[in-house]
Amino acid sequence: MNKYKTDSTRINQGGLMRCCLATIDKFCMENEFVDEGRVLDCMYEKPYNAQIILSEKGIWRWNHP
């Protein structure tokens, strides 16, 4: 599993809502490194929603099949 500097991760084009982008931004401001496969809860949805994942090659995307 790879580890990335948060400032080198990218956002998948399309699919993420503004609230999810704000969640990713907040996470990256608070953390210097992140592991591939890291799942985030969108901070504007119900707890344990697991909406966001850092996939291969350091790309944030929706966490769905």
PDB file of N, CA and C in Angstrom:
ATOM      1  N   MET A   1       0.850  -1.182   0.000  1.00  0.00           N
ATOM      2  CA  MET A   1       0.000   0.000   0.000  1.00  0.00           C
ATOM      3  C   MET A   1       0.891   1.238   0.000  1.00  0.00           C
ATOM      4  N   ASN A   2       0.583   2.203  -0.817  1.00  0.00           N
ATOM      5  CA  ASN A   2       1.384   3.416  -0.942  1.00  0.00           C
ATOM      6  C   ASN A   2       0.964   4.485   0.048  1.00  0.00           C
ATOM      7  N   LYS A   3       1.917   5.327   0.391  1.00  0.00           N
ATOM      8  CA  LYS A   3       1.660   6.490   1.244  1.00  0.00           C
ATOM      9  C   LYS A   3       1.970   7.719   0.402  1.00  0.00           C
ATOM     10  N   TYR A   4       1.106   8.733   0.490  1.00  0.00           N
ATOM     11  CA  TYR A   4       1.254   9.952  -0.299  1.00  0.00           C
ATOM     12  C   TYR A   4       1.307  11.170   0.601  1.00  0.00           C
ATOM     13  N   LYS A   5       2.040  12.197   0.176  1.00  0.00           N
ATOM     14  CA  LYS A   5       1.925  13.497   0.824  1.00  0.00           C
ATOM     15  C   LYS A   5       0.565  14.050   0.413  1.00  0.00           C
ATOM     16  N   THR A   6      -0.170  14.575   1.351  1.00  0.00           N
ATOM     17  CA  THR A   6      -1.528  15.035   1.029  1.00  0.00           C
ATOM     18  C   THR A   6      -1.533  16.123  -0.036  1.00  0.00           C
ATOM     19  N   ASP A   7      -0.491  16.949  -0.077  1.00  0.00           N
ATOM     20  CA  ASP A   7      -0.488  18.016  -1.084  1.00  0.00           C
ATOM     21  C   ASP A   7      -0.147  17.510  -2.487  1.00  0.00           C
ATOM     22  N   SER A   8       0.159  16.217  -2.615  1.00  0.00           N
ATOM     23  CA  SER A   8       0.419  15.656  -3.943  1.00  0.00           C
ATOM     24  C   SER A   8      -0.742  14.804  -4.452  1.00  0.00           C
ATOM     25  N   THR A   9      -1.791  14.657  -3.637  1.00  0.00           N
ATOM     26  CA  THR A   9      -2.954  13.893  -4.088  1.00  0.00           C
ATOM     27  C   THR A   9      -3.773  14.729  -5.062  1.00  0.00           C
ATOM     28  N   ARG A  10      -4.610  14.050  -5.841  1.00  0.00           N
ATOM     29  CA  ARG A  10      -5.435  14.731  -6.837  1.00  0.00           C
ATOM     30  C   ARG A  10      -6.897  14.372  -6.622  1.00  0.00           C
ATOM     31  N   ILE A  11      -7.782  15.118  -7.263  1.00  0.00           N
ATOM     32  CA  ILE A  11      -9.224  14.906  -7.182  1.00  0.00           C
ATOM     33  C   ILE A  11      -9.700  14.322  -8.504  1.00  0.00           C
ATOM     34  N   ASN A  12     -10.490  13.256  -8.442  1.00  0.00           N
ATOM     35  CA  ASN A  12     -11.081  12.671  -9.651  1.00  0.00           C
ATOM     36  C   ASN A  12     -12.039  13.685 -10.279  1.00  0.00           C
ATOM     37  N   GLN A  13     -11.973  13.830 -11.585  1.00  0.00           N
ATOM     38  CA  GLN A  13     -12.870  14.752 -12.283  1.00  0.00           C
ATOM     39  C   GLN A  13     -14.296  14.211 -12.263  1.00  0.00           C
ATOM     40  N   GLY A  14     -15.207  14.979 -11.722  1.00  0.00           N
ATOM     41  CA  GLY A  14     -16.614  14.588 -11.659  1.00  0.00           C
ATOM     42  C   GLY A  14     -16.884  13.622 -10.523  1.00  0.00           C
ATOM     43  N   GLY A  15     -18.108  13.604 -10.085  1.00  0.00           N
ATOM     44  CA  GLY A  15     -18.527  12.625  -9.090  1.00  0.00           C
ATOM     45  C   GLY A  15     -18.491  13.086  -7.657  1.00  0.00           C
ATOM     46  N   LEU A  16     -17.607  14.018  -7.314  1.00  0.00           N
ATOM     47  CA  LEU A  16     -17.551  14.487  -5.934  1.00  0.00           C
ATOM     48  C   LEU A  16     -18.327  15.798  -5.806  1.00  0.00           C
ATOM     49  N   MET A  17     -19.070  15.889  -4.722  1.00  0.00           N
ATOM     50  CA  MET A  17     -19.846  17.105  -4.473  1.00  0.00           C
ATOM     51  C   MET A  17     -18.983  18.111  -3.710  1.00  0.00           C
ATOM     52  N   ARG A  18     -19.425  19.354  -3.662  1.00  0.00           N
ATOM     53  CA  ARG A  18     -18.658  20.402  -2.977  1.00  0.00           C
ATOM     54  C   ARG A  18     -18.410  20.071  -1.513  1.00  0.00           C
ATOM     55  N   CYS A  19     -19.374  19.424  -0.874  1.00  0.00           N
ATOM     56  CA  CYS A  19     -19.192  19.084   0.538  1.00  0.00           C
ATOM     57  C   CYS A  19     -18.067  18.055   0.700  1.00  0.00           C
ATOM     58  N   CYS A  20     -17.969  17.128  -0.248  1.00  0.00           N
ATOM     59  CA  CYS A  20     -16.891  16.137  -0.206  1.00  0.00           C
ATOM     60  C   CYS A  20     -15.543  16.803  -0.475  1.00  0.00           C
ATOM     61  N   LEU A  21     -15.508  17.765  -1.397  1.00  0.00           N
ATOM     62  CA  LEU A  21     -14.277  18.503  -1.667  1.00  0.00           C
ATOM     63  C   LEU A  21     -13.828  19.279  -0.438  1.00  0.00           C
ATOM     64  N   ALA A  22     -14.771  19.858   0.293  1.00  0.00           N
ATOM     65  CA  ALA A  22     -14.443  20.574   1.529  1.00  0.00           C
ATOM     66  C   ALA A  22     -13.889  19.611   2.576  1.00  0.00           C
ATOM     67  N   THR A  23     -14.434  18.402   2.627  1.00  0.00           N
ATOM     68  CA  THR A  23     -13.958  17.383   3.558  1.00  0.00           C
ATOM     69  C   THR A  23     -12.523  16.992   3.229  1.00  0.00           C
ATOM     70  N   ILE A  24     -12.241  16.772   1.959  1.00  0.00           N
ATOM     71  CA  ILE A  24     -10.887  16.417   1.528  1.00  0.00           C
ATOM     72  C   ILE A  24      -9.922  17.551   1.855  1.00  0.00           C
ATOM     73  N   ASP A  25     -10.315  18.785   1.582  1.00  0.00           N
ATOM     74  CA  ASP A  25      -9.474  19.945   1.866  1.00  0.00           C
ATOM     75  C   ASP A  25      -9.145  20.028   3.351  1.00  0.00           C
ATOM     76  N   LYS A  26     -10.143  19.862   4.194  1.00  0.00           N
ATOM     77  CA  LYS A  26      -9.937  19.906   5.646  1.00  0.00           C
ATOM     78  C   LYS A  26      -8.991  18.793   6.078  1.00  0.00           C
ATOM     79  N   PHE A  27      -9.192  17.588   5.571  1.00  0.00           N
ATOM     80  CA  PHE A  27      -8.326  16.465   5.907  1.00  0.00           C
ATOM     81  C   PHE A  27      -6.882  16.758   5.516  1.00  0.00           C
ATOM     82  N   CYS A  28      -6.684  17.279   4.315  1.00  0.00           N
ATOM     83  CA  CYS A  28      -5.329  17.556   3.816  1.00  0.00           C
ATOM     84  C   CYS A  28      -4.661  18.681   4.593  1.00  0.00           C
ATOM     85  N   MET A  29      -5.432  19.630   5.086  1.00  0.00           N
ATOM     86  CA  MET A  29      -4.873  20.713   5.897  1.00  0.00           C
ATOM     87  C   MET A  29      -4.405  20.197   7.259  1.00  0.00           C
ATOM     88  N   GLU A  30      -5.062  19.147   7.755  1.00  0.00           N
ATOM     89  CA  GLU A  30      -4.763  18.625   9.086  1.00  0.00           C
ATOM     90  C   GLU A  30      -3.772  17.461   9.078  1.00  0.00           C
ATOM     91  N   ASN A  31      -3.468  16.896   7.913  1.00  0.00           N
ATOM     92  CA  ASN A  31      -2.606  15.715   7.821  1.00  0.00           C
ATOM     93  C   ASN A  31      -1.576  15.913   6.725  1.00  0.00           C
ATOM     94  N   GLU A  32      -0.335  15.531   7.017  1.00  0.00           N
ATOM     95  CA  GLU A  32       0.723  15.688   6.025  1.00  0.00           C
ATOM     96  C   GLU A  32       0.796  14.496   5.078  1.00  0.00           C
ATOM     97  N   PHE A  33       0.492  13.294   5.588  1.00  0.00           N
ATOM     98  CA  PHE A  33       0.555  12.077   4.780  1.00  0.00           C
ATOM     99  C   PHE A  33      -0.761  11.318   4.855  1.00  0.00           C
ATOM    100  N   VAL A  34      -1.016  10.514   3.821  1.00  0.00           N
ATOM    101  CA  VAL A  34      -2.230   9.700   3.778  1.00  0.00           C
ATOM    102  C   VAL A  34      -1.905   8.389   3.065  1.00  0.00           C
ATOM    103  N   ASP A  35      -2.472   7.296   3.555  1.00  0.00           N
ATOM    104  CA  ASP A  35      -2.274   5.981   2.940  1.00  0.00           C
ATOM    105  C   ASP A  35      -3.299   5.732   1.852  1.00  0.00           C
ATOM    106  N   GLU A  36      -2.856   5.071   0.792  1.00  0.00           N
ATOM    107  CA  GLU A  36      -3.769   4.634  -0.263  1.00  0.00           C
ATOM    108  C   GLU A  36      -4.846   3.764   0.370  1.00  0.00           C
ATOM    109  N   GLY A  37      -6.083   3.938  -0.059  1.00  0.00           N
ATOM    110  CA  GLY A  37      -7.200   3.177   0.499  1.00  0.00           C
ATOM    111  C   GLY A  37      -7.877   3.865   1.670  1.00  0.00           C
ATOM    112  N   ARG A  38      -7.373   5.032   2.078  1.00  0.00           N
ATOM    113  CA  ARG A  38      -7.974   5.773   3.192  1.00  0.00           C
ATOM    114  C   ARG A  38      -9.389   6.182   2.827  1.00  0.00           C
ATOM    115  N   VAL A  39     -10.331   5.900   3.715  1.00  0.00           N
ATOM    116  CA  VAL A  39     -11.737   6.239   3.507  1.00  0.00           C
ATOM    117  C   VAL A  39     -12.098   7.388   4.443  1.00  0.00           C
ATOM    118  N   LEU A  40     -12.779   8.380   3.906  1.00  0.00           N
ATOM    119  CA  LEU A  40     -13.234   9.523   4.701  1.00  0.00           C
ATOM    120  C   LEU A  40     -14.754   9.577   4.712  1.00  0.00           C
ATOM    121  N   ASP A  41     -15.288  10.002   5.828  1.00  0.00           N
ATOM    122  CA  ASP A  41     -16.715  10.328   5.906  1.00  0.00           C
ATOM    123  C   ASP A  41     -16.881  11.770   5.456  1.00  0.00           C
ATOM    124  N   CYS A  42     -17.835  12.033   4.588  1.00  0.00           N
ATOM    125  CA  CYS A  42     -18.159  13.408   4.252  1.00  0.00           C
ATOM    126  C   CYS A  42     -18.670  14.072   5.534  1.00  0.00           C
ATOM    127  N   MET A  43     -18.066  15.195   5.907  1.00  0.00           N
ATOM    128  CA  MET A  43     -18.413  15.823   7.187  1.00  0.00           C
ATOM    129  C   MET A  43     -19.804  16.441   7.189  1.00  0.00           C
ATOM    130  N   TYR A  44     -20.470  16.499   6.048  1.00  0.00           N
ATOM    131  CA  TYR A  44     -21.818  17.071   5.968  1.00  0.00           C
ATOM    132  C   TYR A  44     -22.906  16.012   5.868  1.00  0.00           C
ATOM    133  N   GLU A  45     -22.516  14.745   5.871  1.00  0.00           N
ATOM    134  CA  GLU A  45     -23.473  13.630   5.818  1.00  0.00           C
ATOM    135  C   GLU A  45     -23.547  12.957   7.196  1.00  0.00           C
ATOM    136  N   LYS A  46     -24.393  11.954   7.318  1.00  0.00           N
ATOM    137  CA  LYS A  46     -24.501  11.209   8.571  1.00  0.00           C
ATOM    138  C   LYS A  46     -23.162  10.526   8.872  1.00  0.00           C
ATOM    139  N   PRO A  47     -22.838  10.348  10.165  1.00  0.00           N
ATOM    140  CA  PRO A  47     -21.584   9.676  10.524  1.00  0.00           C
ATOM    141  C   PRO A  47     -21.488   8.274   9.908  1.00  0.00           C
ATOM    142  N   TYR A  48     -20.275   7.845   9.674  1.00  0.00           N
ATOM    143  CA  TYR A  48     -19.955   6.511   9.125  1.00  0.00           C
ATOM    144  C   TYR A  48     -20.496   6.321   7.706  1.00  0.00           C
ATOM    145  N   ASN A  49     -20.513   7.387   6.901  1.00  0.00           N
ATOM    146  CA  ASN A  49     -21.049   7.273   5.548  1.00  0.00           C
ATOM    147  C   ASN A  49     -20.011   6.772   4.539  1.00  0.00           C
ATOM    148  N   ALA A  50     -18.721   6.890   4.847  1.00  0.00           N
ATOM    149  CA  ALA A  50     -17.639   6.348   4.011  1.00  0.00           C
ATOM    150  C   ALA A  50     -17.796   6.723   2.532  1.00  0.00           C
ATOM    151  N   GLN A  51     -18.056   7.990   2.264  1.00  0.00           N
ATOM    152  CA  GLN A  51     -18.332   8.462   0.904  1.00  0.00           C
ATOM    153  C   GLN A  51     -17.095   8.627   0.028  1.00  0.00           C
ATOM    154  N   ILE A  52     -15.919   8.842   0.633  1.00  0.00           N
ATOM    155  CA  ILE A  52     -14.731   9.255  -0.126  1.00  0.00           C
ATOM    156  C   ILE A  52     -13.595   8.259   0.120  1.00  0.00           C
ATOM    157  N   ILE A  53     -12.821   7.951  -0.937  1.00  0.00           N
ATOM    158  CA  ILE A  53     -11.670   7.057  -0.792  1.00  0.00           C
ATOM    159  C   ILE A  53     -10.495   7.597  -1.605  1.00  0.00           C
ATOM    160  N   LEU A  54      -9.299   7.371  -1.077  1.00  0.00           N
ATOM    161  CA  LEU A  54      -8.090   7.677  -1.828  1.00  0.00           C
ATOM    162  C   LEU A  54      -7.696   6.408  -2.567  1.00  0.00           C
ATOM    163  N   SER A  55      -7.911   6.401  -3.863  1.00  0.00           N
ATOM    164  CA  SER A  55      -7.671   5.198  -4.660  1.00  0.00           C
ATOM    165  C   SER A  55      -6.228   5.158  -5.155  1.00  0.00           C
ATOM    166  N   GLU A  56      -5.958   4.195  -6.001  1.00  0.00           N
ATOM    167  CA  GLU A  56      -4.620   4.011  -6.546  1.00  0.00           C
ATOM    168  C   GLU A  56      -4.121   5.284  -7.221  1.00  0.00           C
ATOM    169  N   LYS A  57      -2.852   5.477  -7.178  1.00  0.00           N
ATOM    170  CA  LYS A  57      -2.181   6.645  -7.768  1.00  0.00           C
ATOM    171  C   LYS A  57      -2.529   7.957  -7.069  1.00  0.00           C
ATOM    172  N   GLY A  58      -3.049   7.899  -5.839  1.00  0.00           N
ATOM    173  CA  GLY A  58      -3.293   9.099  -5.050  1.00  0.00           C
ATOM    174  C   GLY A  58      -4.429   9.966  -5.533  1.00  0.00           C
ATOM    175  N   ILE A  59      -5.509   9.346  -5.994  1.00  0.00           N
ATOM    176  CA  ILE A  59      -6.653  10.088  -6.527  1.00  0.00           C
ATOM    177  C   ILE A  59      -7.867   9.913  -5.610  1.00  0.00           C
ATOM    178  N   TRP A  60      -8.398  11.030  -5.105  1.00  0.00           N
ATOM    179  CA  TRP A  60      -9.623  10.998  -4.305  1.00  0.00           C
ATOM    180  C   TRP A  60     -10.820  10.802  -5.226  1.00  0.00           C
ATOM    181  N   ARG A  61     -11.758   9.926  -4.826  1.00  0.00           N
ATOM    182  CA  ARG A  61     -12.963   9.666  -5.617  1.00  0.00           C
ATOM    183  C   ARG A  61     -14.074   9.195  -4.688  1.00  0.00           C
ATOM    184  N   TRP A  62     -15.291   9.057  -5.286  1.00  0.00           N
ATOM    185  CA  TRP A  62     -16.411   8.465  -4.554  1.00  0.00           C
ATOM    186  C   TRP A  62     -16.039   7.038  -4.189  1.00  0.00           C
ATOM    187  N   ASN A  63     -16.477   6.599  -3.043  1.00  0.00           N
ATOM    188  CA  ASN A  63     -16.207   5.239  -2.581  1.00  0.00           C
ATOM    189  C   ASN A  63     -17.383   4.341  -2.973  1.00  0.00           C
ATOM    190  N   HIS A  64     -17.385   3.918  -4.207  1.00  0.00           N
ATOM    191  CA  HIS A  64     -18.413   3.002  -4.698  1.00  0.00           C
ATOM    192  C   HIS A  64     -17.781   2.080  -5.737  1.00  0.00           C
ATOM    193  N   PRO A  65     -18.384   0.918  -5.961  1.00  0.00           N
ATOM    194  CA  PRO A  65     -17.793  -0.049  -6.919  1.00  0.00           C
ATOM    195  C   PRO A  65     -17.680   0.482  -8.323  1.00  0.00           C
TER     196      PRO A  65
END
